Amino acid sequence: MTAQPIHPHEPERVPRNADGIAAALDGPRRMEFYRKLLAAAPEDAAGVLRHWWCEAMLDTDPDGDRLVAAAIDGTLPVTAVADAVRRRREAGLPVE
């Protein structure tokens, strides 16, 4: 069995590259992204891109306001970090 996204995006809202990520972020966050990416060691660049791609996906999520409100209200479903790490490892995904 494989996990499928709850809300698949075809094509993805944010391309998984620096240009796509930067285009999805607003001015100050775009500059922060570029600062982090340019300061990263080569072996860390993929992690920076992964992190900021997630940020860009959240920023462009049509349900973003609802998710933020749920997080502030404490009603957003949560999972333990250990469970998330275990699931990523079992799926062969990077864990940083």
PDB file of N, CA and C in Angstrom:
ATOM      1  N   MET A   1       0.838  -1.165   0.000  1.00  0.00           N
ATOM      2  CA  MET A   1       0.000   0.000   0.000  1.00  0.00           C
ATOM      3  C   MET A   1       0.890   1.236   0.000  1.00  0.00           C
ATOM      4  N   THR A   2       0.485   2.252  -0.769  1.00  0.00           N
ATOM      5  CA  THR A   2       1.227   3.504  -0.776  1.00  0.00           C
ATOM      6  C   THR A   2       0.313   4.623  -0.311  1.00  0.00           C
ATOM      7  N   ALA A   3       0.924   5.617   0.269  1.00  0.00           N
ATOM      8  CA  ALA A   3       0.154   6.770   0.729  1.00  0.00           C
ATOM      9  C   ALA A   3      -0.028   7.737  -0.430  1.00  0.00           C
ATOM     10  N   GLN A   4      -1.191   8.274  -0.556  1.00  0.00           N
ATOM     11  CA  GLN A   4      -1.484   9.269  -1.573  1.00  0.00           C
ATOM     12  C   GLN A   4      -1.799  10.591  -0.883  1.00  0.00           C
ATOM     13  N   PRO A   5      -1.451  11.710  -1.524  1.00  0.00           N
ATOM     14  CA  PRO A   5      -1.780  12.995  -0.914  1.00  0.00           C
ATOM     15  C   PRO A   5      -3.287  13.136  -0.740  1.00  0.00           C
ATOM     16  N   ILE A   6      -3.685  13.830   0.298  1.00  0.00           N
ATOM     17  CA  ILE A   6      -5.106  14.077   0.525  1.00  0.00           C
ATOM     18  C   ILE A   6      -5.664  14.949  -0.589  1.00  0.00           C
ATOM     19  N   HIS A   7      -4.919  15.971  -0.954  1.00  0.00           N
ATOM     20  CA  HIS A   7      -5.332  16.881  -2.015  1.00  0.00           C
ATOM     21  C   HIS A   7      -4.227  16.905  -3.076  1.00  0.00           C
ATOM     22  N   PRO A   8      -4.242  15.975  -4.021  1.00  0.00           N
ATOM     23  CA  PRO A   8      -3.173  15.964  -5.031  1.00  0.00           C
ATOM     24  C   PRO A   8      -3.218  17.220  -5.896  1.00  0.00           C
ATOM     25  N   HIS A   9      -2.065  17.673  -6.330  1.00  0.00           N
ATOM     26  CA  HIS A   9      -1.974  18.844  -7.194  1.00  0.00           C
ATOM     27  C   HIS A   9      -1.315  18.404  -8.495  1.00  0.00           C
ATOM     28  N   GLU A  10      -1.997  18.546  -9.565  1.00  0.00           N
ATOM     29  CA  GLU A  10      -1.454  18.183 -10.871  1.00  0.00           C
ATOM     30  C   GLU A  10      -1.643  19.349 -11.801  1.00  0.00           C
ATOM     31  N   PRO A  11      -0.660  20.024 -12.280  1.00  0.00           N
ATOM     32  CA  PRO A  11       0.729  19.935 -11.822  1.00  0.00           C
ATOM     33  C   PRO A  11       0.864  20.564 -10.429  1.00  0.00           C
ATOM     34  N   GLU A  12       2.013  20.318  -9.824  1.00  0.00           N
ATOM     35  CA  GLU A  12       2.228  20.868  -8.487  1.00  0.00           C
ATOM     36  C   GLU A  12       2.128  22.388  -8.518  1.00  0.00           C
ATOM     37  N   ARG A  13       1.551  22.946  -7.456  1.00  0.00           N
ATOM     38  CA  ARG A  13       1.417  24.401  -7.371  1.00  0.00           C
ATOM     39  C   ARG A  13       2.776  25.076  -7.424  1.00  0.00           C
ATOM     40  N   VAL A  14       3.758  24.453  -6.791  1.00  0.00           N
ATOM     41  CA  VAL A  14       5.099  25.039  -6.708  1.00  0.00           C
ATOM     42  C   VAL A  14       6.089  24.033  -7.287  1.00  0.00           C
ATOM     43  N   PRO A  15       6.738  24.387  -8.401  1.00  0.00           N
ATOM     44  CA  PRO A  15       7.766  23.488  -8.941  1.00  0.00           C
ATOM     45  C   PRO A  15       8.875  23.266  -7.915  1.00  0.00           C
ATOM     46  N   ARG A  16       9.422  22.064  -7.902  1.00  0.00           N
ATOM     47  CA  ARG A  16      10.459  21.712  -6.925  1.00  0.00           C
ATOM     48  C   ARG A  16      11.842  22.143  -7.402  1.00  0.00           C
ATOM     49  N   ASN A  17      11.989  23.452  -7.596  1.00  0.00           N
ATOM     50  CA  ASN A  17      13.291  24.020  -7.943  1.00  0.00           C
ATOM     51  C   ASN A  17      13.350  25.436  -7.383  1.00  0.00           C
ATOM     52  N   ALA A  18      14.540  26.020  -7.381  1.00  0.00           N
ATOM     53  CA  ALA A  18      14.728  27.326  -6.756  1.00  0.00           C
ATOM     54  C   ALA A  18      13.850  28.396  -7.393  1.00  0.00           C
ATOM     55  N   ASP A  19      13.733  28.391  -8.719  1.00  0.00           N
ATOM     56  CA  ASP A  19      12.903  29.404  -9.377  1.00  0.00           C
ATOM     57  C   ASP A  19      11.437  29.266  -8.987  1.00  0.00           C
ATOM     58  N   GLY A  20      10.928  28.043  -8.951  1.00  0.00           N
ATOM     59  CA  GLY A  20       9.536  27.817  -8.592  1.00  0.00           C
ATOM     60  C   GLY A  20       9.249  28.215  -7.159  1.00  0.00           C
ATOM     61  N   ILE A  21      10.172  27.867  -6.272  1.00  0.00           N
ATOM     62  CA  ILE A  21      10.010  28.213  -4.861  1.00  0.00           C
ATOM     63  C   ILE A  21      10.022  29.726  -4.691  1.00  0.00           C
ATOM     64  N   ALA A  22      11.008  30.390  -5.286  1.00  0.00           N
ATOM     65  CA  ALA A  22      11.128  31.841  -5.151  1.00  0.00           C
ATOM     66  C   ALA A  22       9.886  32.542  -5.702  1.00  0.00           C
ATOM     67  N   ALA A  23       9.347  32.075  -6.808  1.00  0.00           N
ATOM     68  CA  ALA A  23       8.169  32.706  -7.408  1.00  0.00           C
ATOM     69  C   ALA A  23       6.942  32.597  -6.508  1.00  0.00           C
ATOM     70  N   ALA A  24       6.886  31.569  -5.681  1.00  0.00           N
ATOM     71  CA  ALA A  24       5.721  31.357  -4.812  1.00  0.00           C
ATOM     72  C   ALA A  24       5.802  32.137  -3.499  1.00  0.00           C
ATOM     73  N   LEU A  25       6.962  32.659  -3.162  1.00  0.00           N
ATOM     74  CA  LEU A  25       7.143  33.369  -1.894  1.00  0.00           C
ATOM     75  C   LEU A  25       7.010  34.869  -2.095  1.00  0.00           C
ATOM     76  N   ASP A  26       6.550  35.582  -1.049  1.00  0.00           N
ATOM     77  CA  ASP A  26       6.472  37.036  -1.153  1.00  0.00           C
ATOM     78  C   ASP A  26       7.873  37.630  -0.974  1.00  0.00           C
ATOM     79  N   GLY A  27       8.023  38.914  -1.215  1.00  0.00           N
ATOM     80  CA  GLY A  27       9.320  39.586  -1.237  1.00  0.00           C
ATOM     81  C   GLY A  27      10.258  39.285  -0.082  1.00  0.00           C
ATOM     82  N   PRO A  28       9.871  39.580   1.176  1.00  0.00           N
ATOM     83  CA  PRO A  28      10.797  39.338   2.288  1.00  0.00           C
ATOM     84  C   PRO A  28      11.129  37.852   2.468  1.00  0.00           C
ATOM     85  N   ARG A  29      10.152  36.986   2.289  1.00  0.00           N
ATOM     86  CA  ARG A  29      10.404  35.546   2.439  1.00  0.00           C
ATOM     87  C   ARG A  29      11.254  35.041   1.267  1.00  0.00           C
ATOM     88  N   ARG A  30      11.050  35.592   0.083  1.00  0.00           N
ATOM     89  CA  ARG A  30      11.870  35.210  -1.071  1.00  0.00           C
ATOM     90  C   ARG A  30      13.324  35.551  -0.807  1.00  0.00           C
ATOM     91  N   MET A  31      13.577  36.736  -0.232  1.00  0.00           N
ATOM     92  CA  MET A  31      14.948  37.129   0.071  1.00  0.00           C
ATOM     93  C   MET A  31      15.551  36.226   1.145  1.00  0.00           C
ATOM     94  N   GLU A  32      14.758  35.860   2.140  1.00  0.00           N
ATOM     95  CA  GLU A  32      15.244  34.944   3.179  1.00  0.00           C
ATOM     96  C   GLU A  32      15.594  33.591   2.565  1.00  0.00           C
ATOM     97  N   PHE A  33      14.743  33.109   1.664  1.00  0.00           N
ATOM     98  CA  PHE A  33      15.014  31.848   0.971  1.00  0.00           C
ATOM     99  C   PHE A  33      16.346  31.919   0.226  1.00  0.00           C
ATOM    100  N   TYR A  34      16.523  32.973  -0.572  1.00  0.00           N
ATOM    101  CA  TYR A  34      17.771  33.101  -1.322  1.00  0.00           C
ATOM    102  C   TYR A  34      18.976  33.199  -0.389  1.00  0.00           C
ATOM    103  N   ARG A  35      18.849  33.936   0.727  1.00  0.00           N
ATOM    104  CA  ARG A  35      19.971  34.029   1.678  1.00  0.00           C
ATOM    105  C   ARG A  35      20.341  32.657   2.220  1.00  0.00           C
ATOM    106  N   LYS A  36      19.318  31.879   2.615  1.00  0.00           N
ATOM    107  CA  LYS A  36      19.577  30.540   3.164  1.00  0.00           C
ATOM    108  C   LYS A  36      20.193  29.629   2.103  1.00  0.00           C
ATOM    109  N   LEU A  37      19.667  29.676   0.888  1.00  0.00           N
ATOM    110  CA  LEU A  37      20.172  28.811  -0.176  1.00  0.00           C
ATOM    111  C   LEU A  37      21.615  29.169  -0.537  1.00  0.00           C
ATOM    112  N   LEU A  38      21.897  30.453  -0.657  1.00  0.00           N
ATOM    113  CA  LEU A  38      23.248  30.871  -1.038  1.00  0.00           C
ATOM    114  C   LEU A  38      24.265  30.623   0.073  1.00  0.00           C
ATOM    115  N   ALA A  39      23.821  30.625   1.325  1.00  0.00           N
ATOM    116  CA  ALA A  39      24.728  30.389   2.448  1.00  0.00           C
ATOM    117  C   ALA A  39      24.937  28.905   2.732  1.00  0.00           C
ATOM    118  N   ALA A  40      24.105  28.057   2.140  1.00  0.00           N
ATOM    119  CA  ALA A  40      24.170  26.620   2.433  1.00  0.00           C
ATOM    120  C   ALA A  40      25.384  25.972   1.774  1.00  0.00           C
ATOM    121  N   ALA A  41      25.995  25.052   2.493  1.00  0.00           N
ATOM    122  CA  ALA A  41      27.050  24.222   1.906  1.00  0.00           C
ATOM    123  C   ALA A  41      26.397  23.336   0.852  1.00  0.00           C
ATOM    124  N   PRO A  42      27.153  22.913  -0.151  1.00  0.00           N
ATOM    125  CA  PRO A  42      26.560  22.094  -1.221  1.00  0.00           C
ATOM    126  C   PRO A  42      25.783  20.885  -0.702  1.00  0.00           C
ATOM    127  N   GLU A  43      26.303  20.243   0.337  1.00  0.00           N
ATOM    128  CA  GLU A  43      25.621  19.051   0.858  1.00  0.00           C
ATOM    129  C   GLU A  43      24.334  19.398   1.619  1.00  0.00           C
ATOM    130  N   ASP A  44      24.142  20.671   1.941  1.00  0.00           N
ATOM    131  CA  ASP A  44      22.944  21.111   2.656  1.00  0.00           C
ATOM    132  C   ASP A  44      21.909  21.768   1.748  1.00  0.00           C
ATOM    133  N   ALA A  45      22.269  22.042   0.501  1.00  0.00           N
ATOM    134  CA  ALA A  45      21.375  22.778  -0.404  1.00  0.00           C
ATOM    135  C   ALA A  45      20.059  22.036  -0.639  1.00  0.00           C
ATOM    136  N   ALA A  46      20.106  20.724  -0.780  1.00  0.00           N
ATOM    137  CA  ALA A  46      18.869  19.963  -1.004  1.00  0.00           C
ATOM    138  C   ALA A  46      17.917  20.107   0.180  1.00  0.00           C
ATOM    139  N   GLY A  47      18.449  20.121   1.389  1.00  0.00           N
ATOM    140  CA  GLY A  47      17.623  20.299   2.574  1.00  0.00           C
ATOM    141  C   GLY A  47      16.987  21.680   2.626  1.00  0.00           C
ATOM    142  N   VAL A  48      17.736  22.694   2.212  1.00  0.00           N
ATOM    143  CA  VAL A  48      17.194  24.060   2.172  1.00  0.00           C
ATOM    144  C   VAL A  48      16.065  24.121   1.146  1.00  0.00           C
ATOM    145  N   LEU A  49      16.275  23.537  -0.016  1.00  0.00           N
ATOM    146  CA  LEU A  49      15.224  23.534  -1.042  1.00  0.00           C
ATOM    147  C   LEU A  49      13.986  22.795  -0.551  1.00  0.00           C
ATOM    148  N   ARG A  50      14.186  21.660   0.083  1.00  0.00           N
ATOM    149  CA  ARG A  50      13.055  20.876   0.608  1.00  0.00           C
ATOM    150  C   ARG A  50      12.267  21.693   1.635  1.00  0.00           C
ATOM    151  N   HIS A  51      12.990  22.318   2.569  1.00  0.00           N
ATOM    152  CA  HIS A  51      12.344  23.131   3.601  1.00  0.00           C
ATOM    153  C   HIS A  51      11.526  24.259   2.976  1.00  0.00           C
ATOM    154  N   TRP A  52      12.134  25.008   2.069  1.00  0.00           N
ATOM    155  CA  TRP A  52      11.455  26.169   1.498  1.00  0.00           C
ATOM    156  C   TRP A  52      10.379  25.769   0.494  1.00  0.00           C
ATOM    157  N   TRP A  53      10.504  24.596  -0.118  1.00  0.00           N
ATOM    158  CA  TRP A  53       9.414  24.128  -0.979  1.00  0.00           C
ATOM    159  C   TRP A  53       8.178  23.891  -0.116  1.00  0.00           C
ATOM    160  N   CYS A  54       8.363  23.299   1.061  1.00  0.00           N
ATOM    161  CA  CYS A  54       7.239  23.088   1.983  1.00  0.00           C
ATOM    162  C   CYS A  54       6.637  24.424   2.398  1.00  0.00           C
ATOM    163  N   GLU A  55       7.475  25.401   2.698  1.00  0.00           N
ATOM    164  CA  GLU A  55       6.981  26.731   3.066  1.00  0.00           C
ATOM    165  C   GLU A  55       6.164  27.327   1.919  1.00  0.00           C
ATOM    166  N   ALA A  56       6.682  27.215   0.695  1.00  0.00           N
ATOM    167  CA  ALA A  56       5.983  27.772  -0.466  1.00  0.00           C
ATOM    168  C   ALA A  56       4.662  27.050  -0.712  1.00  0.00           C
ATOM    169  N   MET A  57       4.649  25.728  -0.514  1.00  0.00           N
ATOM    170  CA  MET A  57       3.399  24.989  -0.669  1.00  0.00           C
ATOM    171  C   MET A  57       2.373  25.443   0.363  1.00  0.00           C
ATOM    172  N   LEU A  58       2.791  25.662   1.591  1.00  0.00           N
ATOM    173  CA  LEU A  58       1.873  26.153   2.620  1.00  0.00           C
ATOM    174  C   LEU A  58       1.380  27.557   2.275  1.00  0.00           C
ATOM    175  N   ASP A  59       2.276  28.407   1.805  1.00  0.00           N
ATOM    176  CA  ASP A  59       1.897  29.781   1.465  1.00  0.00           C
ATOM    177  C   ASP A  59       0.880  29.826   0.328  1.00  0.00           C
ATOM    178  N   THR A  60       0.914  28.853  -0.573  1.00  0.00           N
ATOM    179  CA  THR A  60       0.013  28.872  -1.729  1.00  0.00           C
ATOM    180  C   THR A  60      -1.159  27.919  -1.572  1.00  0.00           C
ATOM    181  N   ASP A  61      -1.300  27.314  -0.397  1.00  0.00           N
ATOM    182  CA  ASP A  61      -2.395  26.366  -0.153  1.00  0.00           C
ATOM    183  C   ASP A  61      -3.723  27.113  -0.092  1.00  0.00           C
ATOM    184  N   PRO A  62      -4.701  26.715  -0.917  1.00  0.00           N
ATOM    185  CA  PRO A  62      -5.998  27.383  -0.873  1.00  0.00           C
ATOM    186  C   PRO A  62      -6.672  27.259   0.495  1.00  0.00           C
ATOM    187  N   ASP A  63      -6.342  26.237   1.266  1.00  0.00           N
ATOM    188  CA  ASP A  63      -6.902  26.054   2.607  1.00  0.00           C
ATOM    189  C   ASP A  63      -5.994  26.619   3.689  1.00  0.00           C
ATOM    190  N   GLY A  64      -5.000  27.382   3.287  1.00  0.00           N
ATOM    191  CA  GLY A  64      -3.996  27.872   4.231  1.00  0.00           C
ATOM    192  C   GLY A  64      -4.566  28.644   5.401  1.00  0.00           C
ATOM    193  N   ASP A  65      -5.519  29.523   5.140  1.00  0.00           N
ATOM    194  CA  ASP A  65      -6.092  30.314   6.238  1.00  0.00           C
ATOM    195  C   ASP A  65      -6.795  29.412   7.248  1.00  0.00           C
ATOM    196  N   ARG A  66      -7.493  28.391   6.754  1.00  0.00           N
ATOM    197  CA  ARG A  66      -8.186  27.458   7.645  1.00  0.00           C
ATOM    198  C   ARG A  66      -7.176  26.682   8.487  1.00  0.00           C
ATOM    199  N   LEU A  67      -6.069  26.270   7.861  1.00  0.00           N
ATOM    200  CA  LEU A  67      -5.046  25.521   8.587  1.00  0.00           C
ATOM    201  C   LEU A  67      -4.378  26.380   9.656  1.00  0.00           C
ATOM    202  N   VAL A  68      -4.084  27.620   9.319  1.00  0.00           N
ATOM    203  CA  VAL A  68      -3.467  28.522  10.298  1.00  0.00           C
ATOM    204  C   VAL A  68      -4.422  28.745  11.466  1.00  0.00           C
ATOM    205  N   ALA A  69      -5.692  28.976  11.169  1.00  0.00           N
ATOM    206  CA  ALA A  69      -6.679  29.183  12.234  1.00  0.00           C
ATOM    207  C   ALA A  69      -6.772  27.950  13.134  1.00  0.00           C
ATOM    208  N   ALA A  70      -6.767  26.756  12.536  1.00  0.00           N
ATOM    209  CA  ALA A  70      -6.836  25.521  13.322  1.00  0.00           C
ATOM    210  C   ALA A  70      -5.588  25.364  14.188  1.00  0.00           C
ATOM    211  N   ALA A  71      -4.429  25.732  13.652  1.00  0.00           N
ATOM    212  CA  ALA A  71      -3.194  25.640  14.435  1.00  0.00           C
ATOM    213  C   ALA A  71      -3.240  26.602  15.619  1.00  0.00           C
ATOM    214  N   ILE A  72      -3.709  27.818  15.380  1.00  0.00           N
ATOM    215  CA  ILE A  72      -3.799  28.811  16.455  1.00  0.00           C
ATOM    216  C   ILE A  72      -4.820  28.380  17.504  1.00  0.00           C
ATOM    217  N   ASP A  73      -5.933  27.809  17.036  1.00  0.00           N
ATOM    218  CA  ASP A  73      -6.987  27.368  17.960  1.00  0.00           C
ATOM    219  C   ASP A  73      -6.640  26.072  18.686  1.00  0.00           C
ATOM    220  N   GLY A  74      -5.607  25.394  18.245  1.00  0.00           N
ATOM    221  CA  GLY A  74      -5.231  24.124  18.859  1.00  0.00           C
ATOM    222  C   GLY A  74      -6.078  22.951  18.400  1.00  0.00           C
ATOM    223  N   THR A  75      -6.745  23.098  17.256  1.00  0.00           N
ATOM    224  CA  THR A  75      -7.607  22.022  16.759  1.00  0.00           C
ATOM    225  C   THR A  75      -7.007  21.305  15.554  1.00  0.00           C
ATOM    226  N   LEU A  76      -5.797  21.666  15.178  1.00  0.00           N
ATOM    227  CA  LEU A  76      -5.130  21.019  14.048  1.00  0.00           C
ATOM    228  C   LEU A  76      -4.660  19.638  14.479  1.00  0.00           C
ATOM    229  N   PRO A  77      -4.992  18.593  13.714  1.00  0.00           N
ATOM    230  CA  PRO A  77      -4.509  17.255  14.086  1.00  0.00           C
ATOM    231  C   PRO A  77      -2.983  17.238  14.126  1.00  0.00           C
ATOM    232  N   VAL A  78      -2.433  16.524  15.093  1.00  0.00           N
ATOM    233  CA  VAL A  78      -0.986  16.458  15.249  1.00  0.00           C
ATOM    234  C   VAL A  78      -0.528  15.005  15.247  1.00  0.00           C
ATOM    235  N   THR A  79       0.766  14.832  15.014  1.00  0.00           N
ATOM    236  CA  THR A  79       1.385  13.514  15.095  1.00  0.00           C
ATOM    237  C   THR A  79       2.725  13.680  15.799  1.00  0.00           C
ATOM    238  N   ALA A  80       3.170  12.660  16.460  1.00  0.00           N
ATOM    239  CA  ALA A  80       4.455  12.720  17.145  1.00  0.00           C
ATOM    240  C   ALA A  80       5.588  12.747  16.123  1.00  0.00           C
ATOM    241  N   VAL A  81       6.625  13.512  16.425  1.00  0.00           N
ATOM    242  CA  VAL A  81       7.771  13.608  15.525  1.00  0.00           C
ATOM    243  C   VAL A  81       8.360  12.219  15.277  1.00  0.00           C
ATOM    244  N   ALA A  82       8.450  11.410  16.313  1.00  0.00           N
ATOM    245  CA  ALA A  82       9.010  10.060  16.163  1.00  0.00           C
ATOM    246  C   ALA A  82       8.201   9.250  15.151  1.00  0.00           C
ATOM    247  N   ASP A  83       6.873   9.400  15.161  1.00  0.00           N
ATOM    248  CA  ASP A  83       6.041   8.680  14.199  1.00  0.00           C
ATOM    249  C   ASP A  83       6.279   9.188  12.774  1.00  0.00           C
ATOM    250  N   ALA A  84       6.403  10.497  12.635  1.00  0.00           N
ATOM    251  CA  ALA A  84       6.653  11.065  11.310  1.00  0.00           C
ATOM    252  C   ALA A  84       8.009  10.616  10.774  1.00  0.00           C
ATOM    253  N   VAL A  85       9.027  10.633  11.619  1.00  0.00           N
ATOM    254  CA  VAL A  85      10.363  10.188  11.209  1.00  0.00           C
ATOM    255  C   VAL A  85      10.336   8.715  10.821  1.00  0.00           C
ATOM    256  N   ARG A  86       9.667   7.901  11.605  1.00  0.00           N
ATOM    257  CA  ARG A  86       9.571   6.468  11.302  1.00  0.00           C
ATOM    258  C   ARG A  86       8.901   6.256   9.955  1.00  0.00           C
ATOM    259  N   ARG A  87       7.782   6.953   9.710  1.00  0.00           N
ATOM    260  CA  ARG A  87       7.077   6.789   8.426  1.00  0.00           C
ATOM    261  C   ARG A  87       7.944   7.226   7.255  1.00  0.00           C
ATOM    262  N   ARG A  88       8.691   8.317   7.418  1.00  0.00           N
ATOM    263  CA  ARG A  88       9.573   8.775   6.335  1.00  0.00           C
ATOM    264  C   ARG A  88      10.672   7.743   6.072  1.00  0.00           C
ATOM    265  N   ARG A  89      11.257   7.219   7.130  1.00  0.00           N
ATOM    266  CA  ARG A  89      12.315   6.216   6.950  1.00  0.00           C
ATOM    267  C   ARG A  89      11.752   4.971   6.257  1.00  0.00           C
ATOM    268  N   GLU A  90      10.572   4.507   6.693  1.00  0.00           N
ATOM    269  CA  GLU A  90       9.950   3.333   6.081  1.00  0.00           C
ATOM    270  C   GLU A  90       9.646   3.565   4.607  1.00  0.00           C
ATOM    271  N   ALA A  91       9.364   4.820   4.249  1.00  0.00           N
ATOM    272  CA  ALA A  91       9.062   5.161   2.848  1.00  0.00           C
ATOM    273  C   ALA A  91      10.326   5.447   2.050  1.00  0.00           C
ATOM    274  N   GLY A  92      11.499   5.407   2.720  1.00  0.00           N
ATOM    275  CA  GLY A  92      12.757   5.691   2.033  1.00  0.00           C
ATOM    276  C   GLY A  92      12.974   7.163   1.756  1.00  0.00           C
ATOM    277  N   LEU A  93      12.292   8.028   2.503  1.00  0.00           N
ATOM    278  CA  LEU A  93      12.412   9.470   2.322  1.00  0.00           C
ATOM    279  C   LEU A  93      13.486  10.020   3.232  1.00  0.00           C
ATOM    280  N   PRO A  94      14.074  11.171   2.870  1.00  0.00           N
ATOM    281  CA  PRO A  94      15.123  11.751   3.705  1.00  0.00           C
ATOM    282  C   PRO A  94      14.585  12.223   5.052  1.00  0.00           C
ATOM    283  N   VAL A  95      15.428  12.094   6.066  1.00  0.00           N
ATOM    284  CA  VAL A  95      15.119  12.580   7.402  1.00  0.00           C
ATOM    285  C   VAL A  95      16.303  13.423   7.826  1.00  0.00           C
ATOM    286  N   GLU A  96      16.040  14.675   8.140  1.00  0.00           N
ATOM    287  CA  GLU A  96      17.143  15.573   8.515  1.00  0.00           C
ATOM    288  C   GLU A  96      16.968  16.091   9.892  1.00  0.00           C
TER     289      GLU A  96
END
